[in-house]
Amino acid sequence: MSRRFACLAVAVSLCSASVWADEDIPESNPFSGDPKAIREGKSWYRNTCSPCHGGRADGAGERGNGADLRKLQLGFRGFVQVVLDGRQVQGRTQGMPPWRGALKNDDVFKIGAYLETLAIDGANWK
């Protein structure tokens, strides 16, 4: 009985995740500058993203070289779309896996709010 309950709990949590249609993703991050969201985003980043993108988001992760997120050029909407749908980059053996269904959009936004705090000159998070 507990196995059925666990499967039901996972299904309910996936269905209740805040899922937005791509055209409904805001142009700018609604959590930008929000200290609580930034803390939560940092926690999500460390647990989910840092193995590939590194602890400082510089692309020097333990599982390979991910993109240097401090100098993101895609803008906020581009960032969200890549996180949700994944991305293969020519010349790289390892691509970005899709996280749609595994992360709530609000959690992706919070990760973005944290990454904005690490951005270097020339980055495009807006």
N, C-alpha and C. Protein backbone atom coordinates (compact mmCIF):
# COMPACT_ATOMS: atom_id res chain seq x y z
N MET A 1 0.82 -1.19 0.00
CA MET A 1 0.00 0.00 0.00
C MET A 1 0.86 1.26 0.00
N SER A 2 2.00 1.24 0.70
CA SER A 2 2.84 2.43 0.76
C SER A 2 3.47 2.74 -0.60
N ARG A 3 3.75 1.72 -1.41
CA ARG A 3 4.32 1.95 -2.75
C ARG A 3 3.30 2.69 -3.62
N ARG A 4 2.02 2.29 -3.54
CA ARG A 4 0.99 2.99 -4.30
C ARG A 4 0.88 4.44 -3.85
N PHE A 5 0.94 4.65 -2.55
CA PHE A 5 0.84 6.02 -2.02
C PHE A 5 2.02 6.86 -2.52
N ALA A 6 3.21 6.27 -2.53
CA ALA A 6 4.39 7.00 -2.99
C ALA A 6 4.24 7.37 -4.47
N CYS A 7 3.76 6.45 -5.29
CA CYS A 7 3.56 6.74 -6.71
C CYS A 7 2.51 7.82 -6.90
N LEU A 8 1.44 7.75 -6.13
CA LEU A 8 0.40 8.77 -6.22
C LEU A 8 0.93 10.13 -5.79
N ALA A 9 1.75 10.16 -4.74
CA ALA A 9 2.31 11.43 -4.25
C ALA A 9 3.20 12.06 -5.31
N VAL A 10 4.01 11.25 -6.00
CA VAL A 10 4.87 11.77 -7.07
C VAL A 10 4.01 12.31 -8.21
N ALA A 11 2.99 11.58 -8.60
CA ALA A 11 2.13 12.02 -9.70
C ALA A 11 1.42 13.32 -9.35
N VAL A 12 0.91 13.43 -8.13
CA VAL A 12 0.23 14.65 -7.71
C VAL A 12 1.20 15.83 -7.68
N SER A 13 2.42 15.60 -7.19
CA SER A 13 3.37 16.71 -7.12
C SER A 13 3.78 17.17 -8.52
N LEU A 14 3.91 16.26 -9.46
CA LEU A 14 4.24 16.66 -10.82
C LEU A 14 3.09 17.41 -11.48
N CYS A 15 1.88 16.97 -11.22
CA CYS A 15 0.73 17.64 -11.81
C CYS A 15 0.48 19.00 -11.18
N SER A 16 0.83 19.15 -9.93
CA SER A 16 0.57 20.42 -9.25
C SER A 16 1.71 21.42 -9.43
N ALA A 17 2.80 21.02 -10.08
CA ALA A 17 3.91 21.94 -10.32
C ALA A 17 3.40 23.10 -11.16
N SER A 18 3.91 24.29 -10.86
CA SER A 18 3.46 25.44 -11.63
C SER A 18 4.09 25.39 -13.01
N VAL A 19 3.32 24.99 -13.97
CA VAL A 19 3.80 24.85 -15.33
C VAL A 19 3.17 25.95 -16.17
N TRP A 20 3.99 26.72 -16.81
CA TRP A 20 3.55 27.82 -17.64
C TRP A 20 3.80 27.46 -19.08
N ALA A 21 2.92 27.92 -19.95
CA ALA A 21 3.18 27.79 -21.38
C ALA A 21 4.37 28.69 -21.71
N ASP A 22 5.18 28.30 -22.68
CA ASP A 22 6.38 29.06 -23.02
C ASP A 22 6.06 30.53 -23.28
N GLU A 23 4.94 30.81 -23.96
CA GLU A 23 4.61 32.19 -24.25
C GLU A 23 4.21 32.98 -23.00
N ASP A 24 3.95 32.29 -21.89
CA ASP A 24 3.59 32.95 -20.65
C ASP A 24 4.79 33.21 -19.73
N ILE A 25 5.96 32.76 -20.12
CA ILE A 25 7.15 33.01 -19.32
C ILE A 25 7.45 34.51 -19.41
N PRO A 26 7.59 35.17 -18.28
CA PRO A 26 7.80 36.62 -18.32
C PRO A 26 9.13 36.99 -18.98
N GLU A 27 9.18 38.19 -19.52
CA GLU A 27 10.41 38.69 -20.16
C GLU A 27 11.53 38.87 -19.14
N SER A 28 11.16 39.30 -17.93
CA SER A 28 12.15 39.47 -16.87
C SER A 28 11.74 38.64 -15.66
N ASN A 29 12.70 38.35 -14.83
CA ASN A 29 12.49 37.46 -13.70
C ASN A 29 11.67 38.14 -12.60
N PRO A 30 10.51 37.57 -12.25
CA PRO A 30 9.70 38.16 -11.18
C PRO A 30 10.36 38.06 -9.80
N PHE A 31 11.40 37.24 -9.67
CA PHE A 31 12.09 37.08 -8.39
C PHE A 31 13.41 37.84 -8.30
N SER A 32 13.74 38.62 -9.33
CA SER A 32 14.99 39.40 -9.31
C SER A 32 15.05 40.26 -8.06
N GLY A 33 16.18 40.17 -7.36
CA GLY A 33 16.40 41.01 -6.19
C GLY A 33 15.66 40.59 -4.93
N ASP A 34 14.88 39.54 -4.97
CA ASP A 34 14.12 39.06 -3.80
C ASP A 34 15.05 38.18 -2.96
N PRO A 35 15.46 38.66 -1.77
CA PRO A 35 16.45 37.92 -0.96
C PRO A 35 16.03 36.48 -0.64
N LYS A 36 14.76 36.26 -0.32
CA LYS A 36 14.31 34.90 0.01
C LYS A 36 14.39 34.00 -1.23
N ALA A 37 13.94 34.51 -2.37
CA ALA A 37 14.00 33.73 -3.61
C ALA A 37 15.44 33.44 -4.00
N ILE A 38 16.33 34.39 -3.80
CA ILE A 38 17.75 34.20 -4.13
C ILE A 38 18.34 33.10 -3.25
N ARG A 39 18.01 33.09 -1.97
CA ARG A 39 18.50 32.02 -1.07
C ARG A 39 17.99 30.66 -1.53
N GLU A 40 16.70 30.59 -1.86
CA GLU A 40 16.12 29.33 -2.33
C GLU A 40 16.75 28.93 -3.66
N GLY A 41 16.96 29.89 -4.55
CA GLY A 41 17.58 29.62 -5.83
C GLY A 41 19.00 29.10 -5.68
N LYS A 42 19.72 29.65 -4.72
CA LYS A 42 21.09 29.19 -4.45
C LYS A 42 21.07 27.72 -4.01
N SER A 43 20.12 27.38 -3.16
CA SER A 43 20.00 26.00 -2.70
C SER A 43 19.65 25.07 -3.86
N TRP A 44 18.68 25.46 -4.68
CA TRP A 44 18.33 24.66 -5.86
C TRP A 44 19.54 24.53 -6.78
N TYR A 45 20.24 25.64 -7.01
CA TYR A 45 21.41 25.61 -7.89
C TYR A 45 22.45 24.61 -7.38
N ARG A 46 22.78 24.71 -6.11
CA ARG A 46 23.82 23.82 -5.55
C ARG A 46 23.45 22.36 -5.70
N ASN A 47 22.16 22.04 -5.49
CA ASN A 47 21.74 20.64 -5.55
C ASN A 47 21.49 20.13 -6.96
N THR A 48 21.13 21.01 -7.88
CA THR A 48 20.70 20.58 -9.20
C THR A 48 21.69 20.92 -10.30
N CYS A 49 22.29 22.09 -10.24
CA CYS A 49 23.06 22.63 -11.37
C CYS A 49 24.58 22.56 -11.19
N SER A 50 25.04 22.68 -9.95
CA SER A 50 26.48 22.81 -9.72
C SER A 50 27.31 21.61 -10.19
N PRO A 51 26.78 20.38 -10.21
CA PRO A 51 27.63 19.30 -10.69
C PRO A 51 28.16 19.53 -12.12
N CYS A 52 27.40 20.20 -12.95
CA CYS A 52 27.86 20.47 -14.32
C CYS A 52 28.38 21.89 -14.50
N HIS A 53 27.74 22.85 -13.84
CA HIS A 53 28.09 24.26 -14.05
C HIS A 53 29.07 24.81 -13.01
N GLY A 54 29.40 24.01 -12.01
CA GLY A 54 30.37 24.42 -11.00
C GLY A 54 29.74 25.20 -9.86
N GLY A 55 30.40 25.18 -8.74
CA GLY A 55 29.91 25.86 -7.54
C GLY A 55 29.82 27.36 -7.68
N ARG A 56 30.62 27.93 -8.60
CA ARG A 56 30.59 29.37 -8.84
C ARG A 56 29.90 29.72 -10.16
N ALA A 57 29.24 28.72 -10.77
CA ALA A 57 28.51 28.89 -12.04
C ALA A 57 29.44 29.28 -13.18
N ASP A 58 30.72 28.95 -13.04
CA ASP A 58 31.70 29.32 -14.06
C ASP A 58 31.93 28.23 -15.10
N GLY A 59 31.15 27.16 -15.02
CA GLY A 59 31.26 26.08 -16.00
C GLY A 59 32.22 24.99 -15.62
N ALA A 60 32.87 25.10 -14.48
CA ALA A 60 33.87 24.12 -14.06
C ALA A 60 33.25 23.13 -13.07
N GLY A 61 32.34 22.30 -13.57
CA GLY A 61 31.68 21.33 -12.71
C GLY A 61 32.42 20.01 -12.67
N GLU A 62 32.09 19.19 -11.71
CA GLU A 62 32.75 17.89 -11.55
C GLU A 62 32.33 16.88 -12.61
N ARG A 63 31.20 17.09 -13.28
CA ARG A 63 30.71 16.17 -14.31
C ARG A 63 31.05 16.64 -15.72
N GLY A 64 31.85 17.62 -15.84
CA GLY A 64 32.20 18.13 -17.15
C GLY A 64 32.09 19.64 -17.18
N ASN A 65 32.32 20.18 -18.33
CA ASN A 65 32.27 21.64 -18.46
C ASN A 65 30.91 22.07 -18.97
N GLY A 66 30.11 22.61 -18.08
CA GLY A 66 28.84 23.20 -18.46
C GLY A 66 29.08 24.64 -18.89
N ALA A 67 28.04 25.28 -19.33
CA ALA A 67 28.15 26.69 -19.73
C ALA A 67 28.50 27.56 -18.52
N ASP A 68 29.23 28.63 -18.78
CA ASP A 68 29.53 29.63 -17.76
C ASP A 68 28.29 30.52 -17.64
N LEU A 69 27.51 30.28 -16.60
CA LEU A 69 26.23 30.99 -16.44
C LEU A 69 26.39 32.41 -15.94
N ARG A 70 27.59 32.79 -15.55
CA ARG A 70 27.83 34.17 -15.11
C ARG A 70 27.77 35.13 -16.29
N LYS A 71 27.98 34.61 -17.48
CA LYS A 71 27.97 35.48 -18.67
C LYS A 71 26.90 35.05 -19.67
N LEU A 72 25.77 34.66 -19.15
CA LEU A 72 24.64 34.24 -19.97
C LEU A 72 24.26 35.32 -20.98
N GLN A 73 24.01 34.92 -22.22
CA GLN A 73 23.63 35.86 -23.28
C GLN A 73 22.20 35.65 -23.76
N LEU A 74 21.50 34.65 -23.28
CA LEU A 74 20.19 34.29 -23.79
C LEU A 74 19.05 35.15 -23.25
N GLY A 75 19.30 35.93 -22.23
CA GLY A 75 18.21 36.64 -21.57
C GLY A 75 17.45 35.69 -20.66
N PHE A 76 16.58 36.25 -19.84
CA PHE A 76 15.86 35.44 -18.86
C PHE A 76 14.99 34.38 -19.53
N ARG A 77 14.19 34.77 -20.52
CA ARG A 77 13.31 33.79 -21.18
C ARG A 77 14.12 32.68 -21.84
N GLY A 78 15.23 33.03 -22.46
CA GLY A 78 16.09 32.02 -23.08
C GLY A 78 16.64 31.05 -22.06
N PHE A 79 17.06 31.59 -20.90
CA PHE A 79 17.54 30.75 -19.80
C PHE A 79 16.47 29.74 -19.39
N VAL A 80 15.25 30.24 -19.15
CA VAL A 80 14.16 29.36 -18.70
C VAL A 80 13.87 28.30 -19.75
N GLN A 81 13.82 28.67 -21.00
CA GLN A 81 13.52 27.71 -22.06
C GLN A 81 14.60 26.63 -22.16
N VAL A 82 15.87 27.01 -22.01
CA VAL A 82 16.95 26.02 -22.06
C VAL A 82 16.85 25.08 -20.86
N VAL A 83 16.58 25.61 -19.68
CA VAL A 83 16.46 24.76 -18.49
C VAL A 83 15.29 23.79 -18.67
N LEU A 84 14.17 24.27 -19.15
CA LEU A 84 12.99 23.41 -19.29
C LEU A 84 13.13 22.38 -20.40
N ASP A 85 13.70 22.79 -21.54
CA ASP A 85 13.72 21.92 -22.72
C ASP A 85 15.07 21.29 -23.02
N GLY A 86 16.12 21.73 -22.34
CA GLY A 86 17.45 21.20 -22.62
C GLY A 86 18.04 21.84 -23.87
N ARG A 87 19.29 21.48 -24.14
CA ARG A 87 19.97 22.08 -25.29
C ARG A 87 21.23 21.29 -25.62
N GLN A 88 21.44 21.08 -26.89
CA GLN A 88 22.68 20.49 -27.38
C GLN A 88 23.47 21.59 -28.07
N VAL A 89 24.75 21.70 -27.77
CA VAL A 89 25.60 22.71 -28.37
C VAL A 89 26.63 22.00 -29.24
N GLN A 90 26.72 22.42 -30.49
CA GLN A 90 27.66 21.81 -31.40
C GLN A 90 29.08 21.93 -30.85
N GLY A 91 29.81 20.82 -30.90
CA GLY A 91 31.18 20.80 -30.42
C GLY A 91 31.30 20.37 -28.96
N ARG A 92 30.18 20.24 -28.27
CA ARG A 92 30.22 19.76 -26.88
C ARG A 92 29.64 18.36 -26.83
N THR A 93 30.30 17.49 -26.11
CA THR A 93 29.82 16.11 -26.01
C THR A 93 28.66 15.99 -25.03
N GLN A 94 28.62 16.87 -24.06
CA GLN A 94 27.58 16.83 -23.05
C GLN A 94 26.66 18.02 -23.25
N GLY A 95 25.37 17.76 -23.32
CA GLY A 95 24.39 18.83 -23.48
C GLY A 95 23.65 19.09 -22.18
N MET A 96 22.81 20.09 -22.22
CA MET A 96 21.96 20.43 -21.07
C MET A 96 20.73 19.54 -21.13
N PRO A 97 20.49 18.76 -20.08
CA PRO A 97 19.29 17.90 -20.09
C PRO A 97 18.04 18.74 -19.83
N PRO A 98 16.89 18.30 -20.30
CA PRO A 98 15.65 19.03 -20.02
C PRO A 98 15.20 18.78 -18.58
N TRP A 99 14.69 19.83 -17.94
CA TRP A 99 14.22 19.74 -16.56
C TRP A 99 12.71 19.96 -16.44
N ARG A 100 12.03 20.10 -17.59
CA ARG A 100 10.57 20.29 -17.58
C ARG A 100 9.94 19.09 -16.88
N GLY A 101 9.08 19.36 -15.94
CA GLY A 101 8.42 18.29 -15.19
C GLY A 101 9.18 17.88 -13.94
N ALA A 102 10.49 18.15 -13.90
CA ALA A 102 11.29 17.83 -12.72
C ALA A 102 11.41 19.04 -11.80
N LEU A 103 11.42 20.23 -12.38
CA LEU A 103 11.50 21.47 -11.61
C LEU A 103 10.27 22.32 -11.90
N LYS A 104 9.76 22.95 -10.88
CA LYS A 104 8.67 23.91 -11.08
C LYS A 104 9.25 25.16 -11.73
N ASN A 105 8.44 25.82 -12.53
CA ASN A 105 8.92 27.05 -13.17
C ASN A 105 9.39 28.06 -12.13
N ASP A 106 8.66 28.20 -11.03
CA ASP A 106 9.07 29.15 -9.99
C ASP A 106 10.45 28.81 -9.44
N ASP A 107 10.77 27.53 -9.35
CA ASP A 107 12.10 27.14 -8.87
C ASP A 107 13.17 27.50 -9.90
N VAL A 108 12.85 27.35 -11.18
CA VAL A 108 13.78 27.76 -12.24
C VAL A 108 13.99 29.28 -12.16
N PHE A 109 12.91 30.02 -11.93
CA PHE A 109 13.01 31.48 -11.80
C PHE A 109 13.90 31.85 -10.62
N LYS A 110 13.78 31.12 -9.52
CA LYS A 110 14.59 31.40 -8.33
C LYS A 110 16.06 31.08 -8.59
N ILE A 111 16.32 30.01 -9.32
CA ILE A 111 17.71 29.71 -9.72
C ILE A 111 18.24 30.88 -10.54
N GLY A 112 17.43 31.37 -11.46
CA GLY A 112 17.82 32.52 -12.26
C GLY A 112 18.10 33.75 -11.42
N ALA A 113 17.27 33.99 -10.40
CA ALA A 113 17.48 35.14 -9.51
C ALA A 113 18.82 35.02 -8.80
N TYR A 114 19.17 33.81 -8.38
CA TYR A 114 20.48 33.60 -7.75
C TYR A 114 21.60 33.84 -8.76
N LEU A 115 21.46 33.28 -9.95
CA LEU A 115 22.51 33.43 -10.96
C LEU A 115 22.71 34.88 -11.37
N GLU A 116 21.65 35.67 -11.34
CA GLU A 116 21.78 37.09 -11.64
C GLU A 116 22.76 37.76 -10.68
N THR A 117 22.82 37.28 -9.45
CA THR A 117 23.73 37.88 -8.46
C THR A 117 25.18 37.55 -8.77
N LEU A 118 25.42 36.55 -9.61
CA LEU A 118 26.78 36.14 -9.98
C LEU A 118 27.21 36.68 -11.34
N ALA A 119 26.28 37.35 -12.03
CA ALA A 119 26.55 37.81 -13.40
C ALA A 119 27.75 38.74 -13.47
N ILE A 120 28.49 38.60 -14.56
CA ILE A 120 29.65 39.47 -14.80
C ILE A 120 29.29 40.47 -15.91
N ASP A 121 30.13 41.49 -16.05
CA ASP A 121 29.88 42.51 -17.08
C ASP A 121 29.62 41.88 -18.44
N GLY A 122 28.61 42.38 -19.10
CA GLY A 122 28.27 41.90 -20.44
C GLY A 122 27.23 40.81 -20.44
N ALA A 123 26.87 40.27 -19.28
CA ALA A 123 25.84 39.23 -19.23
C ALA A 123 24.48 39.84 -19.57
N ASN A 124 23.60 39.00 -20.10
CA ASN A 124 22.26 39.46 -20.46
C ASN A 124 21.21 38.62 -19.71
N TRP A 125 20.86 39.05 -18.53
CA TRP A 125 19.84 38.37 -17.75
C TRP A 125 18.49 39.05 -17.88
N LYS A 126 18.41 40.15 -18.58
CA LYS A 126 17.15 40.90 -18.67
C LYS A 126 16.36 40.49 -19.88
